[in-house]
PDB file of all heavy atoms in Angstrom:
ATOM      1  N   LEU A   1       0.824  -1.215   0.000  1.00  0.00           N
ATOM      2  CA  LEU A   1       0.000   0.000   0.000  1.00  0.00           C
ATOM      3  C   LEU A   1       0.855   1.261   0.000  1.00  0.00           C
ATOM      4  O   LEU A   1       0.501   2.258  -0.646  1.00  0.00           O
ATOM      5  CB  LEU A   1      -0.933  -0.019   1.210  1.00  0.00           C
ATOM      6  CG  LEU A   1      -1.973  -1.156   1.223  1.00  0.00           C
ATOM      7  CD1 LEU A   1      -2.803  -1.102   2.489  1.00  0.00           C
ATOM      8  CD2 LEU A   1      -2.874  -1.066  -0.009  1.00  0.00           C
ATOM      9  N   ARG A   2       1.966   1.227   0.743  1.00  0.00           N
ATOM     10  CA  ARG A   2       2.862   2.387   0.710  1.00  0.00           C
ATOM     11  C   ARG A   2       3.434   2.587  -0.696  1.00  0.00           C
ATOM     12  O   ARG A   2       3.566   3.723  -1.179  1.00  0.00           O
ATOM     13  CB  ARG A   2       3.991   2.203   1.718  1.00  0.00           C
ATOM     14  CG  ARG A   2       3.586   2.410   3.162  1.00  0.00           C
ATOM     15  CD  ARG A   2       4.809   2.590   4.046  1.00  0.00           C
ATOM     16  NE  ARG A   2       5.663   1.398   4.023  1.00  0.00           N
ATOM     17  CZ  ARG A   2       5.567   0.391   4.884  1.00  0.00           C
ATOM     18  NH1 ARG A   2       4.628   0.418   5.825  1.00  0.00           N
ATOM     19  NH2 ARG A   2       6.381  -0.636   4.815  1.00  0.00           N
ATOM     20  N   GLY A   3       3.792   1.490  -1.354  1.00  0.00           N
ATOM     21  CA  GLY A   3       4.298   1.602  -2.717  1.00  0.00           C
ATOM     22  C   GLY A   3       3.267   2.185  -3.662  1.00  0.00           C
ATOM     23  O   GLY A   3       3.597   3.003  -4.532  1.00  0.00           O
ATOM     24  N   ASP A   4       2.000   1.793  -3.504  1.00  0.00           N
ATOM     25  CA  ASP A   4       0.942   2.349  -4.351  1.00  0.00           C
ATOM     26  C   ASP A   4       0.727   3.827  -4.078  1.00  0.00           C
ATOM     27  O   ASP A   4       0.418   4.607  -4.994  1.00  0.00           O
ATOM     28  CB  ASP A   4      -0.356   1.581  -4.122  1.00  0.00           C
ATOM     29  CG  ASP A   4      -0.279   0.154  -4.654  1.00  0.00           C
ATOM     30  OD1 ASP A   4       0.585  -0.104  -5.514  1.00  0.00           O
ATOM     31  OD2 ASP A   4      -1.077  -0.696  -4.198  1.00  0.00           O
ATOM     32  N   GLY A   5       0.874   4.228  -2.812  1.00  0.00           N
ATOM     33  CA  GLY A   5       0.752   5.658  -2.498  1.00  0.00           C
ATOM     34  C   GLY A   5       1.845   6.472  -3.175  1.00  0.00           C
ATOM     35  O   GLY A   5       1.579   7.563  -3.719  1.00  0.00           O
ATOM     36  N   LEU A   6       3.062   5.948  -3.169  1.00  0.00           N
ATOM     37  CA  LEU A   6       4.161   6.647  -3.853  1.00  0.00           C
ATOM     38  C   LEU A   6       3.938   6.674  -5.364  1.00  0.00           C
ATOM     39  O   LEU A   6       4.248   7.675  -6.036  1.00  0.00           O
ATOM     40  CB  LEU A   6       5.485   5.961  -3.528  1.00  0.00           C
ATOM     41  CG  LEU A   6       5.934   6.052  -2.064  1.00  0.00           C
ATOM     42  CD1 LEU A   6       7.217   5.244  -1.852  1.00  0.00           C
ATOM     43  CD2 LEU A   6       6.164   7.521  -1.664  1.00  0.00           C
ATOM     44  N   LEU A   7       3.396   5.580  -5.917  1.00  0.00           N
ATOM     45  CA  LEU A   7       3.095   5.560  -7.347  1.00  0.00           C
ATOM     46  C   LEU A   7       2.052   6.619  -7.698  1.00  0.00           C
ATOM     47  O   LEU A   7       2.188   7.345  -8.706  1.00  0.00           O
ATOM     48  CB  LEU A   7       2.590   4.175  -7.742  1.00  0.00           C
ATOM     49  CG  LEU A   7       2.081   4.016  -9.178  1.00  0.00           C
ATOM     50  CD1 LEU A   7       3.218   4.247 -10.176  1.00  0.00           C
ATOM     51  CD2 LEU A   7       1.450   2.648  -9.392  1.00  0.00           C
ATOM     52  N   ALA A   8       0.997   6.709  -6.875  1.00  0.00           N
ATOM     53  CA  ALA A   8      -0.047   7.713  -7.132  1.00  0.00           C
ATOM     54  C   ALA A   8       0.525   9.125  -7.069  1.00  0.00           C
ATOM     55  O   ALA A   8       0.190   9.992  -7.894  1.00  0.00           O
ATOM     56  CB  ALA A   8      -1.176   7.554  -6.111  1.00  0.00           C
ATOM     57  N   LEU A   9       1.417   9.354  -6.095  1.00  0.00           N
ATOM     58  CA  LEU A   9       2.029  10.680  -5.994  1.00  0.00           C
ATOM     59  C   LEU A   9       2.880  10.983  -7.220  1.00  0.00           C
ATOM     60  O   LEU A   9       2.847  12.105  -7.761  1.00  0.00           O
ATOM     61  CB  LEU A   9       2.889  10.742  -4.722  1.00  0.00           C
ATOM     62  CG  LEU A   9       3.630  12.066  -4.474  1.00  0.00           C
ATOM     63  CD1 LEU A   9       2.631  13.226  -4.348  1.00  0.00           C
ATOM     64  CD2 LEU A   9       4.498  11.969  -3.223  1.00  0.00           C
ATOM     65  N   GLY A  10       3.637   9.992  -7.701  1.00  0.00           N
ATOM     66  CA  GLY A  10       4.460  10.210  -8.891  1.00  0.00           C
ATOM     67  C   GLY A  10       3.620  10.488 -10.117  1.00  0.00           C
ATOM     68  O   GLY A  10       3.960  11.372 -10.939  1.00  0.00           O
ATOM     69  N   ILE A  11       2.495   9.751 -10.287  1.00  0.00           N
ATOM     70  CA  ILE A  11       1.598   9.993 -11.423  1.00  0.00           C
ATOM     71  C   ILE A  11       0.997  11.393 -11.345  1.00  0.00           C
ATOM     72  O   ILE A  11       0.876  12.106 -12.362  1.00  0.00           O
ATOM     73  CB  ILE A  11       0.489   8.920 -11.464  1.00  0.00           C
ATOM     74  CG1 ILE A  11       1.075   7.543 -11.763  1.00  0.00           C
ATOM     75  CG2 ILE A  11      -0.574   9.283 -12.493  1.00  0.00           C
ATOM     76  CD1 ILE A  11       1.611   7.372 -13.149  1.00  0.00           C
ATOM     77  N   ALA A  12       0.635  11.831 -10.150  1.00  0.00           N
ATOM     78  CA  ALA A  12       0.031  13.163  -9.994  1.00  0.00           C
ATOM     79  C   ALA A  12       1.018  14.257 -10.368  1.00  0.00           C
ATOM     80  O   ALA A  12       0.681  15.198 -11.119  1.00  0.00           O
ATOM     81  CB  ALA A  12      -0.437  13.340  -8.549  1.00  0.00           C
ATOM     82  N   LEU A  13       2.244  14.154  -9.863  1.00  0.00           N
ATOM     83  CA  LEU A  13       3.243  15.168 -10.186  1.00  0.00           C
ATOM     84  C   LEU A  13       3.574  15.163 -11.670  1.00  0.00           C
ATOM     85  O   LEU A  13       3.714  16.223 -12.308  1.00  0.00           O
ATOM     86  CB  LEU A  13       4.508  14.927  -9.351  1.00  0.00           C
ATOM     87  CG  LEU A  13       4.352  15.091  -7.833  1.00  0.00           C
ATOM     88  CD1 LEU A  13       5.654  14.749  -7.123  1.00  0.00           C
ATOM     89  CD2 LEU A  13       3.910  16.519  -7.488  1.00  0.00           C
ATOM     90  N   GLY A  14       3.717  13.971 -12.245  1.00  0.00           N
ATOM     91  CA  GLY A  14       4.027  13.874 -13.665  1.00  0.00           C
ATOM     92  C   GLY A  14       2.913  14.418 -14.530  1.00  0.00           C
ATOM     93  O   GLY A  14       3.157  15.133 -15.519  1.00  0.00           O
ATOM     94  N   ALA A  15       1.667  14.077 -14.191  1.00  0.00           N
ATOM     95  CA  ALA A  15       0.533  14.564 -14.979  1.00  0.00           C
ATOM     96  C   ALA A  15       0.410  16.079 -14.885  1.00  0.00           C
ATOM     97  O   ALA A  15       0.120  16.760 -15.887  1.00  0.00           O
ATOM     98  CB  ALA A  15      -0.750  13.893 -14.494  1.00  0.00           C
ATOM     99  N   ALA A  16       0.627  16.636 -13.691  1.00  0.00           N
ATOM    100  CA  ALA A  16       0.560  18.098 -13.550  1.00  0.00           C
ATOM    101  C   ALA A  16       1.625  18.771 -14.404  1.00  0.00           C
ATOM    102  O   ALA A  16       1.367  19.813 -15.056  1.00  0.00           O
ATOM    103  CB  ALA A  16       0.722  18.477 -12.084  1.00  0.00           C
ATOM    104  N   ALA A  17       2.807  18.196 -14.423  1.00  0.00           N
ATOM    105  CA  ALA A  17       3.891  18.785 -15.208  1.00  0.00           C
ATOM    106  C   ALA A  17       3.594  18.698 -16.702  1.00  0.00           C
ATOM    107  O   ALA A  17       3.814  19.670 -17.459  1.00  0.00           O
ATOM    108  CB  ALA A  17       5.212  18.088 -14.884  1.00  0.00           C
ATOM    109  N   THR A  18       3.070  17.576 -17.181  1.00  0.00           N
ATOM    110  CA  THR A  18       2.813  17.440 -18.617  1.00  0.00           C
ATOM    111  C   THR A  18       1.633  18.285 -19.068  1.00  0.00           C
ATOM    112  O   THR A  18       1.569  18.686 -20.242  1.00  0.00           O
ATOM    113  CB  THR A  18       2.542  15.957 -18.962  1.00  0.00           C
ATOM    114  OG1 THR A  18       1.512  15.441 -18.120  1.00  0.00           O
ATOM    115  CG2 THR A  18       3.801  15.129 -18.778  1.00  0.00           C
ATOM    116  N   VAL A  19       0.684  18.544 -18.178  1.00  0.00           N
ATOM    117  CA  VAL A  19      -0.406  19.464 -18.547  1.00  0.00           C
ATOM    118  C   VAL A  19       0.168  20.832 -18.903  1.00  0.00           C
ATOM    119  O   VAL A  19      -0.215  21.464 -19.904  1.00  0.00           O
ATOM    120  CB  VAL A  19      -1.435  19.569 -17.404  1.00  0.00           C
ATOM    121  CG1 VAL A  19      -2.375  20.774 -17.640  1.00  0.00           C
ATOM    122  CG2 VAL A  19      -2.250  18.296 -17.301  1.00  0.00           C
ATOM    123  N   VAL A  20       1.106  21.293 -18.092  1.00  0.00           N
ATOM    124  CA  VAL A  20       1.747  22.585 -18.362  1.00  0.00           C
ATOM    125  C   VAL A  20       2.529  22.531 -19.661  1.00  0.00           C
ATOM    126  O   VAL A  20       2.461  23.453 -20.499  1.00  0.00           O
ATOM    127  CB  VAL A  20       2.663  22.972 -17.191  1.00  0.00           C
ATOM    128  CG1 VAL A  20       3.422  24.265 -17.502  1.00  0.00           C
ATOM    129  CG2 VAL A  20       1.848  23.134 -15.911  1.00  0.00           C
ATOM    130  N   LEU A  21       3.275  21.429 -19.866  1.00  0.00           N
ATOM    131  CA  LEU A  21       4.090  21.317 -21.078  1.00  0.00           C
ATOM    132  C   LEU A  21       3.230  21.205 -22.330  1.00  0.00           C
ATOM    133  O   LEU A  21       3.506  21.859 -23.358  1.00  0.00           O
ATOM    134  CB  LEU A  21       5.010  20.088 -20.966  1.00  0.00           C
ATOM    135  CG  LEU A  21       6.089  20.165 -19.885  1.00  0.00           C
ATOM    136  CD1 LEU A  21       6.873  18.858 -19.828  1.00  0.00           C
ATOM    137  CD2 LEU A  21       7.042  21.332 -20.156  1.00  0.00           C
ATOM    138  N   TYR A  22       2.160  20.372 -22.290  1.00  0.00           N
ATOM    139  CA  TYR A  22       1.285  20.256 -23.453  1.00  0.00           C
ATOM    140  C   TYR A  22       0.568  21.577 -23.742  1.00  0.00           C
ATOM    141  O   TYR A  22       0.312  21.922 -24.903  1.00  0.00           O
ATOM    142  CB  TYR A  22       0.258  19.143 -23.215  1.00  0.00           C
ATOM    143  CG  TYR A  22       0.769  17.751 -23.532  1.00  0.00           C
ATOM    144  CD1 TYR A  22       0.787  16.765 -22.562  1.00  0.00           C
ATOM    145  CD2 TYR A  22       1.207  17.426 -24.811  1.00  0.00           C
ATOM    146  CE1 TYR A  22       1.249  15.473 -22.836  1.00  0.00           C
ATOM    147  CE2 TYR A  22       1.667  16.165 -25.097  1.00  0.00           C
ATOM    148  CZ  TYR A  22       1.697  15.183 -24.108  1.00  0.00           C
ATOM    149  OH  TYR A  22       2.162  13.934 -24.396  1.00  0.00           O
ATOM    150  N   SER A  23       0.212  22.322 -22.694  1.00  0.00           N
ATOM    151  CA  SER A  23      -0.442  23.631 -22.905  1.00  0.00           C
ATOM    152  C   SER A  23       0.507  24.597 -23.582  1.00  0.00           C
ATOM    153  O   SER A  23       0.127  25.344 -24.507  1.00  0.00           O
ATOM    154  CB  SER A  23      -0.905  24.201 -21.565  1.00  0.00           C
ATOM    155  OG  SER A  23      -1.858  23.346 -20.970  1.00  0.00           O
ATOM    156  N   ALA A  24       1.782  24.583 -23.135  1.00  0.00           N
ATOM    157  CA  ALA A  24       2.768  25.461 -23.762  1.00  0.00           C
ATOM    158  C   ALA A  24       3.010  25.068 -25.205  1.00  0.00           C
ATOM    159  O   ALA A  24       3.296  25.927 -26.064  1.00  0.00           O
ATOM    160  CB  ALA A  24       4.075  25.405 -22.961  1.00  0.00           C
ATOM    161  N   ALA A  25       2.906  23.779 -25.512  1.00  0.00           N
ATOM    162  CA  ALA A  25       3.113  23.310 -26.888  1.00  0.00           C
ATOM    163  C   ALA A  25       1.849  23.425 -27.728  1.00  0.00           C
ATOM    164  O   ALA A  25       1.865  23.038 -28.907  1.00  0.00           O
ATOM    165  CB  ALA A  25       3.584  21.856 -26.866  1.00  0.00           C
ATOM    166  N   GLU A  26       0.761  23.972 -27.124  1.00  0.00           N
ATOM    167  CA  GLU A  26      -0.512  24.160 -27.820  1.00  0.00           C
ATOM    168  C   GLU A  26      -1.022  22.847 -28.407  1.00  0.00           C
ATOM    169  O   GLU A  26      -1.310  22.718 -29.587  1.00  0.00           O
ATOM    170  CB  GLU A  26      -0.383  25.227 -28.916  1.00  0.00           C
ATOM    171  CG  GLU A  26      -0.023  26.593 -28.362  1.00  0.00           C
ATOM    172  CD  GLU A  26       0.073  27.658 -29.460  1.00  0.00           C
ATOM    173  OE1 GLU A  26      -0.045  27.266 -30.642  1.00  0.00           O
ATOM    174  OE2 GLU A  26       0.227  28.835 -29.136  1.00  0.00           O
ATOM    175  N   PHE A  27      -1.089  21.843 -27.513  1.00  0.00           N
ATOM    176  CA  PHE A  27      -1.573  20.530 -27.917  1.00  0.00           C
ATOM    177  C   PHE A  27      -3.008  20.614 -28.413  1.00  0.00           C
ATOM    178  O   PHE A  27      -3.385  19.925 -29.351  1.00  0.00           O
ATOM    179  CB  PHE A  27      -1.466  19.566 -26.731  1.00  0.00           C
ATOM    180  CG  PHE A  27      -1.779  18.143 -27.074  1.00  0.00           C
ATOM    181  CD1 PHE A  27      -0.848  17.341 -27.725  1.00  0.00           C
ATOM    182  CD2 PHE A  27      -3.020  17.599 -26.750  1.00  0.00           C
ATOM    183  CE1 PHE A  27      -1.144  16.027 -28.039  1.00  0.00           C
ATOM    184  CE2 PHE A  27      -3.316  16.283 -27.062  1.00  0.00           C
ATOM    185  CZ  PHE A  27      -2.378  15.483 -27.705  1.00  0.00           C
ATOM    186  N   PHE A  28      -3.825  21.449 -27.734  1.00  0.00           N
ATOM    187  CA  PHE A  28      -5.165  21.779 -28.210  1.00  0.00           C
ATOM    188  C   PHE A  28      -5.194  23.251 -28.604  1.00  0.00           C
ATOM    189  O   PHE A  28      -4.333  24.044 -28.202  1.00  0.00           O
ATOM    190  CB  PHE A  28      -6.210  21.492 -27.124  1.00  0.00           C
ATOM    191  CG  PHE A  28      -6.434  20.011 -26.888  1.00  0.00           C
ATOM    192  CD1 PHE A  28      -6.109  19.431 -25.664  1.00  0.00           C
ATOM    193  CD2 PHE A  28      -6.983  19.221 -27.887  1.00  0.00           C
ATOM    194  CE1 PHE A  28      -6.318  18.078 -25.449  1.00  0.00           C
ATOM    195  CE2 PHE A  28      -7.196  17.877 -27.668  1.00  0.00           C
ATOM    196  CZ  PHE A  28      -6.852  17.292 -26.448  1.00  0.00           C
ATOM    197  N   ASP A  29      -6.209  23.600 -29.414  1.00  0.00           N
ATOM    198  CA  ASP A  29      -6.311  24.985 -29.885  1.00  0.00           C
ATOM    199  C   ASP A  29      -6.542  25.961 -28.745  1.00  0.00           C
ATOM    200  O   ASP A  29      -6.060  27.102 -28.772  1.00  0.00           O
ATOM    201  CB  ASP A  29      -7.450  25.117 -30.915  1.00  0.00           C
ATOM    202  CG  ASP A  29      -7.160  24.303 -32.176  1.00  0.00           C
ATOM    203  OD1 ASP A  29      -5.944  24.061 -32.450  1.00  0.00           O
ATOM    204  OD2 ASP A  29      -8.117  23.896 -32.856  1.00  0.00           O
ATOM    205  N   GLU A  30      -7.270  25.537 -27.708  1.00  0.00           N
ATOM    206  CA  GLU A  30      -7.577  26.406 -26.586  1.00  0.00           C
ATOM    207  C   GLU A  30      -6.905  25.878 -25.321  1.00  0.00           C
ATOM    208  O   GLU A  30      -6.779  24.658 -25.133  1.00  0.00           O
ATOM    209  CB  GLU A  30      -9.099  26.499 -26.359  1.00  0.00           C
ATOM    210  CG  GLU A  30      -9.847  27.091 -27.554  1.00  0.00           C
ATOM    211  CD  GLU A  30     -11.335  27.179 -27.292  1.00  0.00           C
ATOM    212  OE1 GLU A  30     -11.740  26.781 -26.158  1.00  0.00           O
ATOM    213  OE2 GLU A  30     -12.071  27.612 -28.189  1.00  0.00           O
TER     214      GLU A  30
END
C-alpha cells in the first residue's frame, strides 16, 4: 500500500507537469 501511495504521488506530479508542457506546446487549440 505504501508503494501504491508513492506511485499515485508520482503519477500526480508527472501529470501536472505534462499538462503545463502540453499547454505550452498548444496541444489543443484552446
